[in-house]
Amino acid sequence: TWTYGTPDVRGSGPGLLNYPDDAPLLADGTFITADIRNCRILIVDPNTNKVVTQWGQPGKCRHNPPHELAWPNGVTPMANGDLLVSEISGSWISRIRRKAIG
């Protein structure tokens, strides 16, 4: 069993989420989630329980991917490693190329 986040505690600090949506497993063994109200996408390593990648920033909720995201509602991994990210505000769907941004 693995858990990231603290049940019934919302936040943006280490180990905290604010309305996460889905958590698909990526090919490298990490998990990815859209942390909606923190306006970010997180990739978490379940072996260390640490965030290894973050796109977007809490409190900066506007469409400027991958640096800022407008309430990302979902993230879908693609076969080539890229990600499709949907954002609630503005009704955006963006393709983020992981290889290009690390």
Protein backbone atom coordinates (compact mmCIF):
# COMPACT_ATOMS: atom_id res chain seq x y z
CA THR A 1 0.00 0.00 0.00
CA TRP A 2 1.23 3.45 -0.90
CA THR A 3 -0.25 6.87 -0.09
CA TYR A 4 0.81 10.39 -0.96
CA GLY A 5 -0.99 13.21 0.81
CA THR A 6 -2.56 13.45 4.23
CA PRO A 7 -6.21 12.40 4.47
CA ASP A 8 -8.58 15.32 5.22
CA VAL A 9 -5.71 17.86 5.20
CA ARG A 10 -5.46 20.26 2.26
CA GLY A 11 -2.31 22.17 1.49
CA SER A 12 0.54 22.81 -0.90
CA GLY A 13 3.55 21.92 1.21
CA PRO A 14 5.52 18.68 1.14
CA GLY A 15 3.20 15.69 1.31
CA LEU A 16 0.03 17.78 0.85
CA LEU A 17 -2.47 18.08 -2.00
CA ASN A 18 -5.60 20.14 -2.65
CA TYR A 19 -8.09 18.21 -4.81
CA PRO A 20 -5.86 15.73 -6.64
CA ASP A 21 -7.45 14.17 -9.73
CA ASP A 22 -6.36 10.72 -10.90
CA ALA A 23 -2.93 9.17 -10.45
CA PRO A 24 -1.80 7.08 -13.40
CA LEU A 25 1.39 5.04 -13.16
CA LEU A 26 4.09 6.16 -15.58
CA ALA A 27 6.47 3.79 -17.39
CA ASP A 28 9.35 4.73 -15.05
CA GLY A 29 7.38 3.64 -11.94
CA THR A 30 6.40 7.13 -10.79
CA PHE A 31 2.85 8.43 -10.46
CA ILE A 32 1.44 11.64 -11.91
CA THR A 33 -1.51 13.66 -10.63
CA ALA A 34 -3.28 16.93 -11.33
CA ASP A 35 -3.38 18.83 -8.03
CA ILE A 36 -6.29 21.02 -9.11
CA ARG A 37 -6.59 23.73 -6.46
CA ASN A 38 -2.82 24.07 -6.18
CA CYS A 39 -2.68 24.69 -9.96
CA ARG A 40 0.04 22.15 -10.51
CA ILE A 41 0.90 18.75 -11.93
CA LEU A 42 3.08 16.53 -9.74
CA ILE A 43 5.14 13.45 -10.50
CA VAL A 44 5.76 11.50 -7.31
CA ASP A 45 8.23 8.67 -6.72
CA PRO A 46 6.46 6.08 -4.55
CA ASN A 47 9.82 4.66 -3.37
CA THR A 48 10.85 7.92 -1.70
CA ASN A 49 7.41 9.59 -1.42
CA LYS A 50 9.00 12.72 -2.89
CA VAL A 51 7.88 14.99 -5.72
CA VAL A 52 10.40 14.51 -8.54
CA THR A 53 8.76 16.93 -11.01
CA GLN A 54 6.32 19.81 -10.60
CA TRP A 55 4.68 21.94 -13.31
CA GLY A 56 2.66 24.94 -12.19
CA GLN A 57 2.73 26.74 -8.88
CA PRO A 58 0.25 27.14 -6.04
CA GLY A 59 -1.30 30.61 -6.15
CA LYS A 60 -0.31 31.19 -9.80
CA CYS A 61 -3.39 29.87 -11.55
CA ARG A 62 -3.22 30.97 -15.16
CA HIS A 63 -2.60 29.35 -18.53
CA ASN A 64 1.15 29.44 -19.22
CA PRO A 65 2.14 25.77 -19.39
CA PRO A 66 4.27 24.21 -18.12
CA HIS A 67 5.26 27.04 -15.76
CA GLU A 68 1.73 27.99 -14.66
CA LEU A 69 -1.52 26.05 -15.02
CA ALA A 70 -5.12 27.23 -14.70
CA TRP A 71 -6.66 24.62 -12.38
CA PRO A 72 -5.46 21.47 -14.15
CA ASN A 73 -8.23 18.91 -14.03
CA GLY A 74 -6.52 15.94 -15.58
CA VAL A 75 -3.28 14.67 -16.98
CA THR A 76 -3.04 11.82 -19.46
CA PRO A 77 0.27 10.16 -20.33
CA MET A 78 0.86 9.50 -24.03
CA ALA A 79 2.77 6.54 -25.47
CA ASN A 80 5.83 8.70 -26.32
CA GLY A 81 6.08 10.10 -22.76
CA ASP A 82 4.38 13.43 -23.49
CA LEU A 83 1.40 14.49 -21.39
CA LEU A 84 -2.01 15.90 -22.23
CA VAL A 85 -3.14 18.35 -19.56
CA SER A 86 -6.67 19.75 -19.32
CA GLU A 87 -7.24 23.04 -17.51
CA ILE A 88 -10.62 24.08 -16.13
CA SER A 89 -10.17 27.83 -16.46
CA GLY A 90 -10.18 28.78 -20.13
CA SER A 91 -11.09 25.25 -21.23
CA TRP A 92 -7.56 24.41 -22.40
CA ILE A 93 -5.98 21.10 -23.37
CA SER A 94 -2.20 21.32 -23.73
CA ARG A 95 0.43 18.83 -24.76
CA ILE A 96 3.54 19.02 -22.59
CA ARG A 97 6.67 17.36 -23.93
CA ARG A 98 8.49 15.90 -20.95
CA LYS A 99 11.76 15.47 -22.85
CA ALA A 100 11.89 19.15 -23.75
CA ILE A 101 11.48 20.41 -20.19
CA GLY A 102 13.10 17.68 -18.13
